[in-house]
Amino acid sequence: MPKRTELVRRIRRLADAHGCTAVILRQGKHDIWECAGFRFPIPRHRVIADGTARTILGKLEAHLERVAQGENS
C-alpha cells in the first residue's frame, strides 16, 4: 500500500509528463484534485489501498491520453 505522499508524487509526475498541472480544488475527508479537466478524489488517509491508488492513476492516465489524442471526453 502506497503512502498518500507517494500517490500525490506519482500523480504530479504523470501530469508533468503530459504537460499539465494537478491541483487541489477542495479539501475535506477527501481532497478533490483536477488535472486537464478531470476531477478526482484522493482520500486523506496516510496509507492508500493499492486498488484505490491503481484506479486513480489508471483513470487519470486514460484521461490524459485521450486529451493528448485530441478527444474532448
N, C-alpha and C. Protein backbone atom coordinates (compact mmCIF):
# COMPACT_ATOMS: atom_id res chain seq x y z
N MET A 1 0.83 -1.18 0.00
CA MET A 1 0.00 0.00 0.00
C MET A 1 0.88 1.25 0.00
N PRO A 2 0.65 2.12 -0.97
CA PRO A 2 1.48 3.34 -1.04
C PRO A 2 1.03 4.37 -0.02
N LYS A 3 1.97 5.15 0.43
CA LYS A 3 1.63 6.29 1.29
C LYS A 3 0.97 7.35 0.41
N ARG A 4 0.16 8.17 1.04
CA ARG A 4 -0.56 9.22 0.32
C ARG A 4 0.43 10.15 -0.39
N THR A 5 1.53 10.47 0.28
CA THR A 5 2.50 11.37 -0.33
C THR A 5 3.10 10.78 -1.60
N GLU A 6 3.31 9.47 -1.61
CA GLU A 6 3.84 8.81 -2.82
C GLU A 6 2.81 8.85 -3.94
N LEU A 7 1.53 8.64 -3.62
CA LEU A 7 0.48 8.71 -4.64
C LEU A 7 0.43 10.11 -5.24
N VAL A 8 0.48 11.14 -4.41
CA VAL A 8 0.45 12.52 -4.90
C VAL A 8 1.67 12.78 -5.78
N ARG A 9 2.82 12.29 -5.37
CA ARG A 9 4.04 12.46 -6.17
C ARG A 9 3.87 11.81 -7.55
N ARG A 10 3.30 10.60 -7.57
CA ARG A 10 3.09 9.91 -8.85
C ARG A 10 2.08 10.64 -9.73
N ILE A 11 1.05 11.20 -9.13
CA ILE A 11 0.06 11.97 -9.88
C ILE A 11 0.72 13.20 -10.50
N ARG A 12 1.52 13.89 -9.72
CA ARG A 12 2.19 15.09 -10.24
C ARG A 12 3.18 14.75 -11.35
N ARG A 13 3.90 13.65 -11.21
CA ARG A 13 4.83 13.22 -12.27
C ARG A 13 4.08 12.88 -13.55
N LEU A 14 2.95 12.18 -13.41
CA LEU A 14 2.14 11.82 -14.57
C LEU A 14 1.61 13.07 -15.26
N ALA A 15 1.15 14.03 -14.47
CA ALA A 15 0.65 15.28 -15.04
C ALA A 15 1.77 16.04 -15.75
N ASP A 16 2.94 16.13 -15.12
CA ASP A 16 4.08 16.81 -15.74
C ASP A 16 4.48 16.15 -17.05
N ALA A 17 4.43 14.83 -17.10
CA ALA A 17 4.80 14.10 -18.31
C ALA A 17 3.85 14.42 -19.47
N HIS A 18 2.62 14.83 -19.14
CA HIS A 18 1.65 15.16 -20.17
C HIS A 18 1.49 16.67 -20.33
N GLY A 19 2.35 17.43 -19.70
CA GLY A 19 2.35 18.88 -19.88
C GLY A 19 1.23 19.62 -19.18
N CYS A 20 0.72 19.08 -18.08
CA CYS A 20 -0.32 19.79 -17.34
C CYS A 20 0.04 19.78 -15.85
N THR A 21 -0.82 20.39 -15.06
CA THR A 21 -0.58 20.51 -13.63
C THR A 21 -1.76 19.93 -12.87
N ALA A 22 -1.48 19.15 -11.83
CA ALA A 22 -2.53 18.64 -10.95
C ALA A 22 -2.63 19.57 -9.74
N VAL A 23 -3.84 20.02 -9.46
CA VAL A 23 -4.04 20.97 -8.36
C VAL A 23 -5.17 20.50 -7.45
N ILE A 24 -5.10 20.93 -6.18
CA ILE A 24 -6.17 20.63 -5.22
C ILE A 24 -7.24 21.71 -5.36
N LEU A 25 -8.48 21.29 -5.57
CA LEU A 25 -9.59 22.23 -5.66
C LEU A 25 -10.25 22.45 -4.31
N ARG A 26 -10.36 21.35 -3.53
CA ARG A 26 -11.08 21.42 -2.27
C ARG A 26 -10.52 20.38 -1.30
N GLN A 27 -10.47 20.70 -0.02
CA GLN A 27 -10.00 19.76 0.99
C GLN A 27 -11.15 19.39 1.92
N GLY A 28 -11.13 18.16 2.37
CA GLY A 28 -12.15 17.66 3.28
C GLY A 28 -11.78 16.23 3.65
N LYS A 29 -12.77 15.36 3.83
CA LYS A 29 -12.47 13.95 4.09
C LYS A 29 -11.71 13.36 2.91
N HIS A 30 -12.03 13.85 1.73
CA HIS A 30 -11.28 13.52 0.51
C HIS A 30 -10.88 14.84 -0.12
N ASP A 31 -9.65 14.94 -0.58
CA ASP A 31 -9.24 16.11 -1.34
C ASP A 31 -9.73 15.92 -2.77
N ILE A 32 -10.25 16.97 -3.36
CA ILE A 32 -10.69 16.92 -4.75
C ILE A 32 -9.59 17.58 -5.58
N TRP A 33 -9.05 16.82 -6.51
CA TRP A 33 -7.97 17.28 -7.38
C TRP A 33 -8.50 17.43 -8.80
N GLU A 34 -7.80 18.24 -9.59
CA GLU A 34 -8.14 18.39 -11.00
C GLU A 34 -6.86 18.43 -11.83
N CYS A 35 -6.93 17.78 -12.96
CA CYS A 35 -5.81 17.78 -13.90
C CYS A 35 -6.39 17.67 -15.31
N ALA A 36 -6.14 18.67 -16.13
CA ALA A 36 -6.61 18.70 -17.53
C ALA A 36 -8.11 18.49 -17.63
N GLY A 37 -8.87 19.10 -16.71
CA GLY A 37 -10.32 18.99 -16.76
C GLY A 37 -10.89 17.74 -16.12
N PHE A 38 -10.06 16.88 -15.58
CA PHE A 38 -10.50 15.64 -14.93
C PHE A 38 -10.42 15.82 -13.42
N ARG A 39 -11.55 15.68 -12.74
CA ARG A 39 -11.59 15.83 -11.29
C ARG A 39 -11.66 14.45 -10.64
N PHE A 40 -10.90 14.30 -9.55
CA PHE A 40 -10.87 13.00 -8.88
C PHE A 40 -10.58 13.19 -7.39
N PRO A 41 -11.16 12.32 -6.54
CA PRO A 41 -10.92 12.43 -5.10
C PRO A 41 -9.71 11.61 -4.68
N ILE A 42 -9.01 12.10 -3.66
CA ILE A 42 -7.92 11.35 -3.03
C ILE A 42 -8.23 11.32 -1.53
N PRO A 43 -8.33 10.13 -0.96
CA PRO A 43 -8.62 10.04 0.48
C PRO A 43 -7.54 10.72 1.31
N ARG A 44 -7.90 11.19 2.49
CA ARG A 44 -6.95 11.87 3.36
C ARG A 44 -6.25 10.90 4.32
N HIS A 45 -6.22 9.62 4.01
CA HIS A 45 -5.56 8.63 4.85
C HIS A 45 -4.06 8.67 4.59
N ARG A 46 -3.26 8.29 5.59
CA ARG A 46 -1.80 8.26 5.39
C ARG A 46 -1.41 7.19 4.38
N VAL A 47 -2.12 6.06 4.42
CA VAL A 47 -1.83 4.95 3.51
C VAL A 47 -3.07 4.72 2.66
N ILE A 48 -2.88 4.62 1.36
CA ILE A 48 -3.97 4.44 0.41
C ILE A 48 -3.97 2.97 -0.04
N ALA A 49 -5.14 2.36 -0.12
CA ALA A 49 -5.24 0.97 -0.57
C ALA A 49 -4.70 0.86 -2.00
N ASP A 50 -4.06 -0.27 -2.30
CA ASP A 50 -3.47 -0.49 -3.62
C ASP A 50 -4.49 -0.31 -4.74
N GLY A 51 -5.66 -0.90 -4.56
CA GLY A 51 -6.70 -0.81 -5.60
C GLY A 51 -7.14 0.62 -5.84
N THR A 52 -7.26 1.38 -4.78
CA THR A 52 -7.66 2.79 -4.91
C THR A 52 -6.60 3.58 -5.66
N ALA A 53 -5.35 3.37 -5.30
CA ALA A 53 -4.25 4.08 -5.98
C ALA A 53 -4.19 3.70 -7.45
N ARG A 54 -4.33 2.41 -7.76
CA ARG A 54 -4.30 1.96 -9.16
C ARG A 54 -5.46 2.58 -9.95
N THR A 55 -6.64 2.63 -9.34
CA THR A 55 -7.81 3.19 -10.02
C THR A 55 -7.61 4.67 -10.32
N ILE A 56 -7.16 5.42 -9.34
CA ILE A 56 -6.94 6.86 -9.54
C ILE A 56 -5.91 7.08 -10.65
N LEU A 57 -4.78 6.41 -10.57
CA LEU A 57 -3.72 6.59 -11.57
C LEU A 57 -4.17 6.11 -12.95
N GLY A 58 -4.89 5.00 -13.00
CA GLY A 58 -5.35 4.47 -14.28
C GLY A 58 -6.34 5.39 -14.97
N LYS A 59 -7.32 5.89 -14.21
CA LYS A 59 -8.31 6.79 -14.80
C LYS A 59 -7.67 8.11 -15.23
N LEU A 60 -6.76 8.62 -14.42
CA LEU A 60 -6.07 9.86 -14.78
C LEU A 60 -5.24 9.67 -16.04
N GLU A 61 -4.50 8.57 -16.10
CA GLU A 61 -3.67 8.31 -17.27
C GLU A 61 -4.52 8.14 -18.53
N ALA A 62 -5.64 7.43 -18.41
CA ALA A 62 -6.53 7.25 -19.57
C ALA A 62 -7.07 8.61 -20.03
N HIS A 63 -7.45 9.47 -19.10
CA HIS A 63 -7.95 10.80 -19.46
C HIS A 63 -6.87 11.62 -20.15
N LEU A 64 -5.66 11.60 -19.60
CA LEU A 64 -4.57 12.38 -20.19
C LEU A 64 -4.22 11.86 -21.59
N GLU A 65 -4.32 10.57 -21.81
CA GLU A 65 -4.07 10.00 -23.16
C GLU A 65 -5.15 10.48 -24.13
N ARG A 66 -6.42 10.50 -23.68
CA ARG A 66 -7.50 10.99 -24.55
C ARG A 66 -7.29 12.46 -24.89
N VAL A 67 -6.87 13.25 -23.90
CA VAL A 67 -6.62 14.68 -24.13
C VAL A 67 -5.47 14.84 -25.13
N ALA A 68 -4.44 14.03 -24.99
CA ALA A 68 -3.29 14.10 -25.89
C ALA A 68 -3.67 13.73 -27.31
N GLN A 69 -4.66 12.86 -27.46
CA GLN A 69 -5.11 12.45 -28.79
C GLN A 69 -6.15 13.41 -29.37
N GLY A 70 -6.54 14.39 -28.58
CA GLY A 70 -7.45 15.42 -29.08
C GLY A 70 -8.91 15.15 -28.84
N GLU A 71 -9.26 14.14 -28.06
CA GLU A 71 -10.65 13.86 -27.77
C GLU A 71 -11.14 14.80 -26.68
N ASN A 72 -12.43 15.10 -26.66
CA ASN A 72 -12.99 16.02 -25.67
C ASN A 72 -13.48 15.32 -24.42
N SER A 73 -13.54 14.01 -24.38
CA SER A 73 -14.11 13.29 -23.23
C SER A 73 -13.18 13.31 -22.11
